[in-house]
Amino acid sequence: MGAYCPNAFTNHTVEVSSEMKLGKRILLMLAALATVALSAAEKNIVFVIADDLSPTLGCYGDMAAVTPNIDRLPADGTLFRYAFATTASCSASRSVILSGLHNHRNGHYGHLHSFHKFSSFPWVKTLPVLLAKAGYRTARVGKHHNGPEDIYFFETKIKANSRSTVEMANNCEAFIKADDKKPFFLYYATSDPHRGGGNANELPHKPNRFGNKPNKGAYPGVKEIFYDPAKVTVPPFLPDTPETRAELAQYYQSTSRVDQGLGRLMEILKKNGKWENTIIIFTSDHGMAFAGGKTTVYEGGLRVPFIVRNPYQKERGNTNNAMLSFVDIVPTLLDFAGGYDAKNRAAKPELAMMPGGRGTKKGPYKFHGRSFLPILAEKNPKDWDRINASHTFHEIQMYYPMRVVRDRKYKLIWNIAHPLPYPFASDLWAAPSWQAQWKKGQSANYGKKTVREYIHRPQFELFDISADPNEAVNLATDAKYAKVLEEYKAKLKKFQEDTQDPWVLKWRYE
């Protein structure tokens, strides 16, 4: 929409006074500002993040999942087949999602709460803070799990039970429909399908409840979906045992609750006239809370669902094979909001600059990722073929630093603390699916590994991920792959240098 100029000023040569010229300039400036404001007001953002959800959804080919609302979203947007968390731990992962920086750079190595006390550095600029500076209203509902508060600041905190997903959506309606002519950013974060609620001791294999209410109870507005353990899909990294199936049935039930919350949220956007000017991203902080998934950098931990519905995208309903990761989210949403400097992969200067000092270099506030907004409508975009991952802590007692480089062909994992046994998150250790195999002894199978192999890991794990997607065969000790191993070590070291990873120092004495 351009500025309106009367014909008297455009089609005729006339003498005008300096006052008239000034008045015209002011009118043009006001018209331009009105255009910018209108454009900004049309670009709302809803970011939906589930907790511990793998791509176990109908739209990803899972025949067991009942997730109709999530499954409809790709038909009006883009489904990414190769989306990755950068770390499979709740707080650390969410810090990357909201900062655009790997956790070893933003400082949020692990959990914030209780004994753990991890938080981001004072100089970090997060998405809600940047968007607020760009003129957005910001709000969060549900699980937050990051700090300090001023670094991850949302103007509005909407109260709701983070397991009661429909209630969460309903309580967001007042914020969504507020008529103050500002665009909004809503961070909608469920606790489903995270483990919780104790074990269902009334059932044969005593599975964790995954937040489900006992005695087939239901949360307000939710029609609980109950699953038959015999019919669930068992991922290849898990053992196909009665205990695993019992827990997966609970996990799927919790996942269906996420679906219903999203469905209600979409209804509210449509009801209030916001559907056609709101981008929606649906994802999870990392993979499912089973040993071999959450807290690991195996595919079960890093692979996540990722669906984007951009109302301004002309071609929709496509599947995108780009390899993207969570460091790409902030650049993309800033790009959508008009606050991204694509040349520098940075926030625009008026939103943020690096302060200099205390380990920072003065200059553009750069991100580790880049915007995927320009490639949404593509199937096989060029130069989106590699991701990196960085894991150090989950809980404070779970110190086990790992670094990853993965492309279309190979995946290299560096287990920096490899002399130590692999530590467990407390809920994963207690899980019936793990305990059943642990009690059978270290030779018992656990997915494609044994219990012993899962606990005692080598320094390097190299997988031909294209031929071995289940990460069953470690090639790091195979002489035929010695050159490949050295090549990918170099790639990993370069990633660490580029992102100022403190653990890059270990290469000097390895």
Protein backbone atom coordinates (compact mmCIF):
# COMPACT_ATOMS: atom_id res chain seq x y z
CA MET A 1 0.00 0.00 0.00
CA GLY A 2 1.58 3.28 -1.05
CA ALA A 3 1.04 6.82 0.16
CA TYR A 4 -1.80 8.77 -1.48
CA CYS A 5 -0.81 11.93 -3.32
CA PRO A 6 -3.38 14.23 -4.96
CA ASN A 7 -3.10 14.76 -8.72
CA ALA A 8 -2.38 18.43 -8.17
CA PHE A 9 0.99 17.42 -6.81
CA THR A 10 1.79 14.67 -9.28
CA ASN A 11 0.54 15.67 -12.71
CA HIS A 12 1.28 19.39 -12.86
CA THR A 13 4.31 21.60 -12.53
CA VAL A 14 3.43 24.24 -9.98
CA GLU A 15 5.26 26.54 -7.64
CA VAL A 16 4.69 25.74 -4.02
CA SER A 17 5.85 27.36 -0.86
CA SER A 18 8.43 25.80 1.49
CA GLU A 19 5.63 25.38 4.03
CA MET A 20 3.59 23.39 1.52
CA LYS A 21 6.61 21.26 0.66
CA LEU A 22 7.20 20.55 4.36
CA GLY A 23 3.56 19.70 4.85
CA LYS A 24 3.69 17.27 1.94
CA ARG A 25 6.78 15.57 3.37
CA ILE A 26 5.08 15.19 6.73
CA LEU A 27 1.99 13.69 5.09
CA LEU A 28 4.14 11.25 3.15
CA MET A 29 6.05 10.27 6.28
CA LEU A 30 2.84 9.74 8.21
CA ALA A 31 1.43 7.65 5.39
CA ALA A 32 4.60 5.53 5.29
CA LEU A 33 4.56 5.08 9.05
CA ALA A 34 0.92 4.04 8.89
CA THR A 35 1.82 1.47 6.25
CA VAL A 36 4.65 0.05 8.40
CA ALA A 37 2.42 -0.06 11.47
CA LEU A 38 -0.30 -1.85 9.54
CA SER A 39 2.19 -4.35 8.18
CA ALA A 40 3.58 -5.04 11.65
CA ALA A 41 0.13 -5.39 13.15
CA GLU A 42 -0.67 -8.12 10.67
CA LYS A 43 2.23 -10.31 11.72
CA ASN A 44 1.35 -12.12 14.91
CA ILE A 45 3.40 -15.06 16.20
CA VAL A 46 2.23 -18.17 18.06
CA PHE A 47 4.94 -20.59 19.14
CA VAL A 48 3.60 -23.91 20.41
CA ILE A 49 6.12 -26.14 22.19
CA ALA A 50 5.30 -29.54 23.64
CA ASP A 51 7.51 -31.16 26.27
CA ASP A 52 9.45 -34.34 25.41
CA LEU A 53 7.57 -35.09 22.18
CA SER A 54 9.15 -37.08 19.36
CA PRO A 55 7.72 -37.03 15.79
CA THR A 56 5.18 -39.66 16.90
CA LEU A 57 2.33 -37.97 15.07
CA GLY A 58 -0.01 -38.95 12.30
CA CYS A 59 1.45 -36.38 9.92
CA TYR A 60 4.86 -38.01 10.41
CA GLY A 61 3.50 -41.43 9.52
CA ASP A 62 2.77 -42.79 13.01
CA MET A 63 -0.29 -44.97 12.56
CA ALA A 64 -0.98 -45.25 16.29
CA ALA A 65 -1.20 -41.54 17.12
CA VAL A 66 -4.57 -39.79 17.30
CA THR A 67 -3.53 -36.20 16.58
CA PRO A 68 -6.00 -34.76 14.02
CA ASN A 69 -5.41 -31.08 14.80
CA ILE A 70 -1.63 -31.28 14.52
CA ASP A 71 -2.02 -33.42 11.39
CA ARG A 72 -4.12 -30.72 9.68
CA LEU A 73 -1.55 -28.01 10.19
CA PRO A 74 0.94 -29.16 7.49
CA ALA A 75 -1.78 -29.04 4.82
CA ASP A 76 -1.85 -25.27 5.35
CA GLY A 77 1.87 -24.87 5.89
CA THR A 78 5.20 -26.71 5.84
CA LEU A 79 6.26 -29.92 7.56
CA PHE A 80 9.99 -30.28 8.16
CA ARG A 81 11.19 -33.89 8.08
CA TYR A 82 14.67 -33.18 9.45
CA ALA A 83 14.30 -30.84 12.39
CA PHE A 84 16.64 -31.14 15.38
CA ALA A 85 16.93 -29.92 18.90
CA THR A 86 20.47 -28.76 19.67
CA THR A 87 20.40 -30.42 23.09
CA ALA A 88 17.98 -32.98 24.50
CA SER A 89 17.41 -31.35 27.87
CA CYS A 90 14.48 -29.12 28.80
CA SER A 91 15.95 -25.83 30.08
CA ALA A 92 19.06 -25.93 27.92
CA SER A 93 17.02 -26.61 24.79
CA ARG A 94 14.51 -23.85 25.51
CA SER A 95 17.37 -21.41 26.05
CA VAL A 96 18.51 -22.11 22.48
CA ILE A 97 14.97 -21.79 21.13
CA LEU A 98 14.58 -18.34 22.69
CA SER A 99 18.13 -17.01 22.22
CA GLY A 100 19.31 -18.37 18.86
CA LEU A 101 22.60 -19.31 20.55
CA HIS A 102 23.89 -22.75 21.53
CA ASN A 103 23.63 -23.29 25.27
CA HIS A 104 27.40 -23.38 25.76
CA ARG A 105 27.40 -19.79 24.47
CA ASN A 106 24.27 -18.44 26.16
CA GLY A 107 25.27 -19.96 29.53
CA HIS A 108 22.13 -22.01 30.18
CA TYR A 109 23.88 -25.40 30.44
CA GLY A 110 21.10 -27.16 32.31
CA HIS A 111 18.02 -26.75 34.49
CA LEU A 112 17.16 -23.51 36.20
CA HIS A 113 15.08 -24.75 39.11
CA SER A 114 15.85 -26.22 42.51
CA PHE A 115 19.41 -27.49 43.00
CA HIS A 116 20.56 -26.90 39.45
CA LYS A 117 20.69 -23.09 39.24
CA PHE A 118 21.73 -22.72 35.61
CA SER A 119 20.79 -19.53 33.78
CA SER A 120 21.84 -17.40 30.82
CA PHE A 121 24.49 -14.67 30.81
CA PRO A 122 23.41 -11.04 31.42
CA TRP A 123 24.28 -9.90 27.88
CA VAL A 124 21.98 -12.44 26.15
CA LYS A 125 19.04 -11.00 24.20
CA THR A 126 16.08 -13.32 23.85
CA LEU A 127 13.19 -13.46 21.42
CA PRO A 128 10.50 -11.96 23.71
CA VAL A 129 12.78 -9.05 24.62
CA LEU A 130 13.72 -8.40 20.99
CA LEU A 131 10.12 -8.61 19.79
CA ALA A 132 8.95 -6.28 22.55
CA LYS A 133 11.51 -3.76 21.35
CA ALA A 134 10.12 -4.24 17.83
CA GLY A 135 6.66 -3.25 19.05
CA TYR A 136 5.14 -6.61 19.97
CA ARG A 137 2.98 -7.56 22.91
CA THR A 138 4.48 -10.69 24.49
CA ALA A 139 2.93 -13.40 26.64
CA ARG A 140 3.68 -16.89 27.82
CA VAL A 141 1.50 -19.64 29.20
CA GLY A 142 2.50 -22.99 30.65
CA LYS A 143 6.03 -24.23 31.19
CA HIS A 144 8.77 -21.58 31.12
CA HIS A 145 11.90 -23.14 32.69
CA ASN A 146 14.41 -20.40 31.79
CA GLY A 147 16.13 -17.57 33.58
CA PRO A 148 16.99 -15.01 34.67
CA GLU A 149 13.53 -13.49 34.44
CA ASP A 150 14.75 -10.19 32.98
CA ILE A 151 16.63 -12.01 30.20
CA TYR A 152 13.61 -14.18 29.30
CA PHE A 153 11.06 -11.48 30.02
CA PHE A 154 7.47 -11.74 28.82
CA GLU A 155 5.21 -8.79 29.55
CA THR A 156 2.22 -11.02 30.32
CA LYS A 157 2.23 -14.29 32.25
CA ILE A 158 -0.99 -16.19 31.63
CA LYS A 159 -1.94 -18.59 34.41
CA ALA A 160 -3.08 -22.12 33.60
CA ASN A 161 -2.34 -25.73 34.49
CA SER A 162 0.33 -26.70 31.93
CA ARG A 163 -1.22 -30.20 31.70
CA SER A 164 -4.68 -28.76 31.06
CA THR A 165 -4.04 -27.85 27.45
CA VAL A 166 -7.55 -26.65 26.53
CA GLU A 167 -7.61 -24.48 29.64
CA MET A 168 -4.27 -23.02 28.54
CA ALA A 169 -5.73 -22.08 25.17
CA ASN A 170 -8.92 -20.63 26.68
CA ASN A 171 -6.94 -18.47 29.09
CA CYS A 172 -4.99 -17.02 26.15
CA GLU A 173 -8.06 -15.65 24.39
CA ALA A 174 -8.14 -12.32 26.21
CA PHE A 175 -4.51 -11.67 25.26
CA ILE A 176 -5.06 -12.72 21.63
CA LYS A 177 -8.08 -10.50 21.03
CA ALA A 178 -6.81 -7.43 22.90
CA ASP A 179 -7.42 -4.45 20.63
CA ASP A 180 -4.36 -2.28 21.06
CA LYS A 181 -3.19 -2.36 17.42
CA LYS A 182 0.06 -4.08 18.33
CA PRO A 183 1.11 -7.47 16.96
CA PHE A 184 1.51 -10.22 19.53
CA PHE A 185 3.91 -13.04 20.35
CA LEU A 186 2.39 -15.94 22.30
CA TYR A 187 4.61 -18.67 23.73
CA TYR A 188 2.31 -21.62 24.45
CA ALA A 189 4.24 -24.35 26.30
CA THR A 190 2.59 -27.56 27.50
CA SER A 191 4.03 -29.94 30.09
CA ASP A 192 2.62 -32.85 28.07
CA PRO A 193 3.87 -35.42 27.28
CA HIS A 194 6.60 -35.07 29.91
CA ARG A 195 6.72 -37.80 32.55
CA GLY A 196 4.87 -37.03 35.75
CA GLY A 197 2.04 -37.94 38.05
CA GLY A 198 3.64 -41.05 39.54
CA ASN A 199 3.16 -44.62 38.36
CA ALA A 200 -0.14 -46.28 37.48
CA ASN A 201 0.21 -49.07 40.03
CA GLU A 202 -3.26 -50.35 39.23
CA LEU A 203 -2.05 -51.43 35.78
CA PRO A 204 -0.04 -54.64 35.20
CA HIS A 205 3.30 -53.05 34.33
CA LYS A 206 2.97 -49.94 36.51
CA PRO A 207 3.79 -47.40 33.79
CA ASN A 208 4.49 -43.76 34.49
CA ARG A 209 1.30 -41.72 34.05
CA PHE A 210 2.86 -38.99 31.83
CA GLY A 211 0.53 -36.48 33.45
CA ASN A 212 -2.61 -38.54 32.82
CA LYS A 213 -5.20 -38.57 35.58
CA PRO A 214 -5.92 -41.84 37.40
CA ASN A 215 -9.12 -43.83 36.85
CA LYS A 216 -9.48 -42.48 33.31
CA GLY A 217 -10.07 -38.96 34.60
CA ALA A 218 -9.94 -35.95 32.27
CA TYR A 219 -8.82 -32.34 32.32
CA PRO A 220 -11.41 -29.59 31.63
CA GLY A 221 -12.44 -29.47 27.99
CA VAL A 222 -10.32 -32.51 27.07
CA LYS A 223 -11.69 -35.75 25.69
CA GLU A 224 -8.99 -38.15 26.82
CA ILE A 225 -7.85 -40.70 24.23
CA PHE A 226 -6.86 -44.07 25.69
CA TYR A 227 -4.42 -46.35 23.88
CA ASP A 228 -4.04 -50.12 23.75
CA PRO A 229 -0.40 -51.02 24.61
CA ALA A 230 -0.53 -53.79 22.01
CA LYS A 231 -1.16 -51.24 19.23
CA VAL A 232 1.37 -48.49 19.96
CA THR A 233 4.44 -47.91 17.80
CA VAL A 234 7.71 -48.89 19.46
CA PRO A 235 10.63 -46.78 18.15
CA PRO A 236 13.71 -48.82 17.17
CA PHE A 237 15.86 -47.31 19.93
CA LEU A 238 13.57 -48.85 22.59
CA PRO A 239 13.16 -52.50 23.59
CA ASP A 240 9.83 -53.97 22.53
CA THR A 241 8.75 -55.17 25.96
CA PRO A 242 5.44 -55.10 27.87
CA GLU A 243 6.85 -52.37 30.13
CA THR A 244 7.83 -50.17 27.19
CA ARG A 245 4.46 -50.61 25.51
CA ALA A 246 2.61 -49.80 28.75
CA GLU A 247 4.55 -46.56 29.10
CA LEU A 248 4.12 -45.65 25.43
CA ALA A 249 0.34 -46.01 25.80
CA GLN A 250 0.47 -43.36 28.54
CA TYR A 251 2.80 -41.19 26.46
CA TYR A 252 0.43 -41.28 23.47
CA GLN A 253 -2.52 -40.34 25.67
CA SER A 254 -0.63 -37.30 26.90
CA THR A 255 0.31 -36.43 23.29
CA SER A 256 -3.35 -36.46 22.27
CA ARG A 257 -3.98 -33.88 24.95
CA VAL A 258 -1.40 -31.60 23.30
CA ASP A 259 -3.31 -32.05 20.07
CA GLN A 260 -6.60 -30.95 21.60
CA GLY A 261 -5.01 -27.86 23.14
CA LEU A 262 -3.63 -26.85 19.77
CA GLY A 263 -7.03 -27.44 18.20
CA ARG A 264 -8.68 -25.11 20.69
CA LEU A 265 -5.97 -22.48 20.19
CA MET A 266 -6.57 -22.55 16.43
CA GLU A 267 -10.32 -22.11 17.01
CA ILE A 268 -9.64 -19.03 19.14
CA LEU A 269 -7.38 -17.49 16.49
CA LYS A 270 -10.05 -18.00 13.83
CA LYS A 271 -12.90 -16.78 16.06
CA ASN A 272 -11.06 -13.53 16.78
CA GLY A 273 -9.97 -12.81 13.21
CA LYS A 274 -6.28 -13.55 13.84
CA TRP A 275 -5.90 -16.75 11.81
CA GLU A 276 -4.92 -15.09 8.53
CA ASN A 277 -2.26 -12.86 10.02
CA THR A 278 -0.59 -15.24 12.50
CA ILE A 279 2.38 -17.49 11.91
CA ILE A 280 2.25 -20.72 13.93
CA ILE A 281 5.22 -22.91 14.75
CA PHE A 282 4.62 -26.28 16.38
CA THR A 283 7.50 -28.27 17.84
CA SER A 284 8.90 -29.89 20.99
CA ASP A 285 11.94 -29.13 23.11
CA HIS A 286 13.45 -32.56 22.26
CA GLY A 287 12.56 -36.23 21.91
CA MET A 288 10.50 -38.49 24.16
CA ALA A 289 11.38 -39.12 27.82
CA PHE A 290 12.71 -42.64 27.47
CA ALA A 291 16.29 -43.82 27.85
CA GLY A 292 17.76 -43.47 24.36
CA GLY A 293 15.68 -40.36 23.70
CA LYS A 294 15.72 -37.43 26.11
CA THR A 295 19.17 -36.46 27.51
CA THR A 296 20.99 -38.23 24.65
CA VAL A 297 22.28 -36.87 21.37
CA TYR A 298 21.08 -39.93 19.50
CA GLU A 299 18.34 -39.44 16.93
CA GLY A 300 15.71 -40.34 19.55
CA GLY A 301 16.79 -37.35 21.61
CA LEU A 302 17.39 -34.74 18.90
CA ARG A 303 14.75 -35.39 16.23
CA VAL A 304 11.62 -33.31 16.80
CA PRO A 305 8.38 -32.53 14.99
CA PHE A 306 8.46 -29.14 13.33
CA ILE A 307 5.54 -27.59 11.46
CA VAL A 308 5.25 -24.00 10.29
CA ARG A 309 2.06 -22.35 9.11
CA ASN A 310 2.86 -18.97 7.56
CA PRO A 311 -0.32 -17.17 6.39
CA TYR A 312 1.70 -15.13 3.88
CA GLN A 313 3.22 -18.18 2.20
CA LYS A 314 1.64 -18.64 -1.25
CA GLU A 315 2.49 -22.29 -1.79
CA ARG A 316 1.51 -24.46 1.16
CA GLY A 317 1.02 -28.08 2.03
CA ASN A 318 4.61 -29.03 1.29
CA THR A 319 7.15 -31.25 2.99
CA ASN A 320 10.57 -29.67 3.41
CA ASN A 321 13.77 -31.73 3.64
CA ALA A 322 16.01 -28.96 4.95
CA MET A 323 18.04 -29.85 8.02
CA LEU A 324 17.24 -27.12 10.50
CA SER A 325 17.85 -26.81 14.22
CA PHE A 326 16.71 -24.68 17.10
CA VAL A 327 19.35 -22.00 16.54
CA ASP A 328 17.36 -21.08 13.40
CA ILE A 329 14.13 -20.17 15.22
CA VAL A 330 14.96 -16.69 16.55
CA PRO A 331 16.40 -15.50 13.21
CA THR A 332 13.30 -16.77 11.40
CA LEU A 333 10.77 -15.12 13.69
CA LEU A 334 12.73 -11.87 13.72
CA ASP A 335 12.77 -12.08 9.93
CA PHE A 336 8.98 -12.50 9.95
CA ALA A 337 8.66 -9.47 12.25
CA GLY A 338 11.01 -7.32 10.18
CA GLY A 339 13.83 -7.28 12.72
CA TYR A 340 16.44 -9.52 11.07
CA ASP A 341 19.68 -8.54 9.35
CA ALA A 342 20.15 -11.43 6.90
CA LYS A 343 23.57 -10.26 5.72
CA ASN A 344 25.07 -10.51 9.20
CA ARG A 345 22.69 -13.20 10.51
CA ALA A 346 22.00 -10.78 13.30
CA ALA A 347 19.29 -8.68 14.90
CA LYS A 348 18.83 -5.30 13.28
CA PRO A 349 20.97 -2.68 15.09
CA GLU A 350 17.97 -0.83 16.46
CA LEU A 351 16.93 -4.00 18.33
CA ALA A 352 20.27 -5.21 19.70
CA MET A 353 24.04 -4.86 19.47
CA MET A 354 26.73 -6.83 21.24
CA PRO A 355 27.92 -4.74 24.18
CA GLY A 356 31.58 -5.73 24.11
CA GLY A 357 33.56 -6.84 27.14
CA ARG A 358 33.00 -9.86 29.41
CA GLY A 359 33.67 -12.30 26.60
CA THR A 360 31.73 -10.47 23.88
CA LYS A 361 32.97 -8.53 20.88
CA LYS A 362 31.28 -5.21 20.18
CA GLY A 363 29.29 -5.24 16.96
CA PRO A 364 26.17 -6.83 15.42
CA TYR A 365 24.21 -9.14 17.73
CA LYS A 366 24.70 -12.35 15.73
CA PHE A 367 22.92 -15.70 16.01
CA HIS A 368 24.32 -19.18 15.46
CA GLY A 369 21.55 -19.98 13.00
CA ARG A 370 19.75 -18.25 10.15
CA SER A 371 16.24 -17.59 8.92
CA PHE A 372 14.43 -20.42 7.18
CA LEU A 373 11.57 -18.10 6.17
CA PRO A 374 12.82 -17.82 2.53
CA ILE A 375 12.83 -21.61 2.06
CA LEU A 376 9.46 -22.51 3.55
CA ALA A 377 7.86 -23.29 0.19
CA GLU A 378 10.80 -25.38 -1.07
CA LYS A 379 11.20 -29.15 -0.90
CA ASN A 380 14.97 -29.59 -1.15
CA PRO A 381 16.58 -26.22 -0.45
CA LYS A 382 20.31 -25.88 -1.07
CA ASP A 383 22.83 -25.45 1.73
CA TRP A 384 20.64 -26.83 4.52
CA ASP A 385 22.51 -30.07 5.02
CA ARG A 386 24.20 -29.97 8.43
CA ILE A 387 23.36 -29.43 12.08
CA ASN A 388 25.33 -29.36 15.32
CA ALA A 389 24.35 -30.31 18.84
CA SER A 390 25.80 -29.47 22.23
CA HIS A 391 24.81 -31.20 25.46
CA THR A 392 26.49 -30.76 28.84
CA PHE A 393 23.99 -31.11 31.69
CA HIS A 394 20.44 -32.20 32.35
CA GLU A 395 20.10 -32.23 36.09
CA ILE A 396 23.20 -31.04 37.96
CA GLN A 397 24.30 -34.63 38.67
CA MET A 398 24.02 -35.45 34.97
CA TYR A 399 27.31 -33.95 33.82
CA TYR A 400 28.22 -35.63 30.57
CA PRO A 401 29.35 -33.20 27.83
CA MET A 402 28.73 -34.33 24.25
CA ARG A 403 29.19 -32.53 20.95
CA VAL A 404 27.74 -33.53 17.59
CA VAL A 405 28.09 -32.83 13.90
CA ARG A 406 25.53 -34.45 11.60
CA ASP A 407 24.90 -34.14 7.90
CA ARG A 408 23.07 -36.23 5.30
CA LYS A 409 25.76 -38.92 5.25
CA TYR A 410 27.53 -39.14 8.61
CA LYS A 411 27.00 -38.31 12.24
CA LEU A 412 29.86 -37.92 14.72
CA ILE A 413 29.31 -37.86 18.49
CA TRP A 414 32.16 -36.82 20.78
CA ASN A 415 31.56 -38.20 24.28
CA ILE A 416 33.92 -35.86 26.09
CA ALA A 417 33.41 -37.56 29.47
CA HIS A 418 33.59 -41.08 28.00
CA PRO A 419 35.57 -42.66 30.88
CA LEU A 420 32.51 -42.05 33.07
CA PRO A 421 29.37 -44.20 32.98
CA TYR A 422 26.52 -42.43 31.28
CA PRO A 423 24.42 -40.65 33.96
CA PHE A 424 20.63 -40.87 34.13
CA ALA A 425 17.91 -38.33 34.64
CA SER A 426 16.12 -39.41 37.79
CA ASP A 427 12.79 -40.08 36.03
CA LEU A 428 14.43 -42.06 33.23
CA TRP A 429 16.34 -44.25 35.67
CA ALA A 430 13.13 -45.08 37.53
CA ALA A 431 11.15 -45.73 34.35
CA PRO A 432 9.72 -49.29 34.19
CA SER A 433 10.87 -49.50 30.54
CA TRP A 434 14.51 -49.05 31.65
CA GLN A 435 14.34 -50.90 34.96
CA ALA A 436 12.95 -54.05 33.31
CA GLN A 437 16.04 -54.32 31.10
CA TRP A 438 18.48 -53.20 33.79
CA LYS A 439 17.33 -56.00 36.06
CA LYS A 440 17.99 -58.55 33.31
CA GLY A 441 21.69 -57.69 33.35
CA GLN A 442 24.11 -55.73 31.21
CA SER A 443 23.83 -58.13 28.28
CA ALA A 444 20.11 -57.46 27.94
CA ASN A 445 19.10 -55.61 24.81
CA TYR A 446 18.04 -52.02 24.81
CA GLY A 447 16.88 -51.13 21.32
CA LYS A 448 19.87 -51.58 19.01
CA LYS A 449 22.31 -51.65 21.92
CA THR A 450 22.86 -53.64 25.08
CA VAL A 451 22.42 -52.18 28.54
CA ARG A 452 26.22 -52.20 28.90
CA GLU A 453 26.73 -50.35 25.59
CA TYR A 454 24.17 -47.75 26.58
CA ILE A 455 25.91 -47.00 29.88
CA HIS A 456 29.56 -47.31 28.80
CA ARG A 457 30.21 -45.25 25.69
CA PRO A 458 33.34 -44.81 23.59
CA GLN A 459 35.04 -41.49 23.04
CA PHE A 460 33.75 -41.22 19.47
CA GLU A 461 30.68 -42.64 17.82
CA LEU A 462 30.61 -42.39 14.03
CA PHE A 463 27.52 -43.51 12.14
CA ASP A 464 26.75 -43.73 8.46
CA ILE A 465 23.41 -42.13 9.20
CA SER A 466 22.12 -42.49 5.65
CA ALA A 467 22.55 -46.29 5.69
CA ASP A 468 22.22 -46.78 9.45
CA PRO A 469 19.50 -44.35 10.68
CA ASN A 470 19.10 -46.34 13.91
CA GLU A 471 22.75 -45.74 14.88
CA ALA A 472 23.48 -49.44 15.37
CA VAL A 473 27.04 -49.69 14.00
CA ASN A 474 29.83 -47.47 15.33
CA LEU A 475 32.41 -46.93 12.57
CA ALA A 476 34.85 -44.88 14.65
CA THR A 477 37.19 -47.81 15.26
CA ASP A 478 36.96 -49.16 11.71
CA ALA A 479 40.22 -48.46 9.88
CA LYS A 480 38.33 -48.02 6.61
CA TYR A 481 36.68 -44.92 8.06
CA ALA A 482 39.77 -43.36 9.63
CA LYS A 483 39.84 -40.54 7.06
CA VAL A 484 36.12 -39.85 7.52
CA LEU A 485 36.60 -39.76 11.28
CA GLU A 486 39.37 -37.17 11.03
CA GLU A 487 37.33 -35.10 8.59
CA TYR A 488 34.35 -34.96 10.93
CA LYS A 489 36.53 -34.26 13.96
CA ALA A 490 37.78 -31.19 12.10
CA LYS A 491 34.19 -30.12 11.35
CA LEU A 492 33.28 -30.52 15.00
CA LYS A 493 36.28 -28.53 16.18
CA LYS A 494 35.43 -25.75 13.70
CA PHE A 495 31.87 -25.59 15.08
CA GLN A 496 33.22 -25.30 18.61
CA GLU A 497 35.65 -22.55 17.64
CA ASP A 498 32.97 -20.60 15.78
CA THR A 499 30.56 -20.75 18.73
CA GLN A 500 33.15 -20.18 21.49
CA ASP A 501 32.60 -23.54 23.13
CA PRO A 502 34.84 -23.84 26.22
CA TRP A 503 35.33 -27.55 25.54
CA VAL A 504 37.24 -26.77 22.34
CA LEU A 505 40.30 -26.51 24.63
CA LYS A 506 40.32 -30.28 25.10
CA TRP A 507 41.50 -30.80 21.51
CA ARG A 508 44.85 -29.37 22.59
CA TYR A 509 45.64 -32.30 24.83
CA GLU A 510 43.72 -35.18 23.26
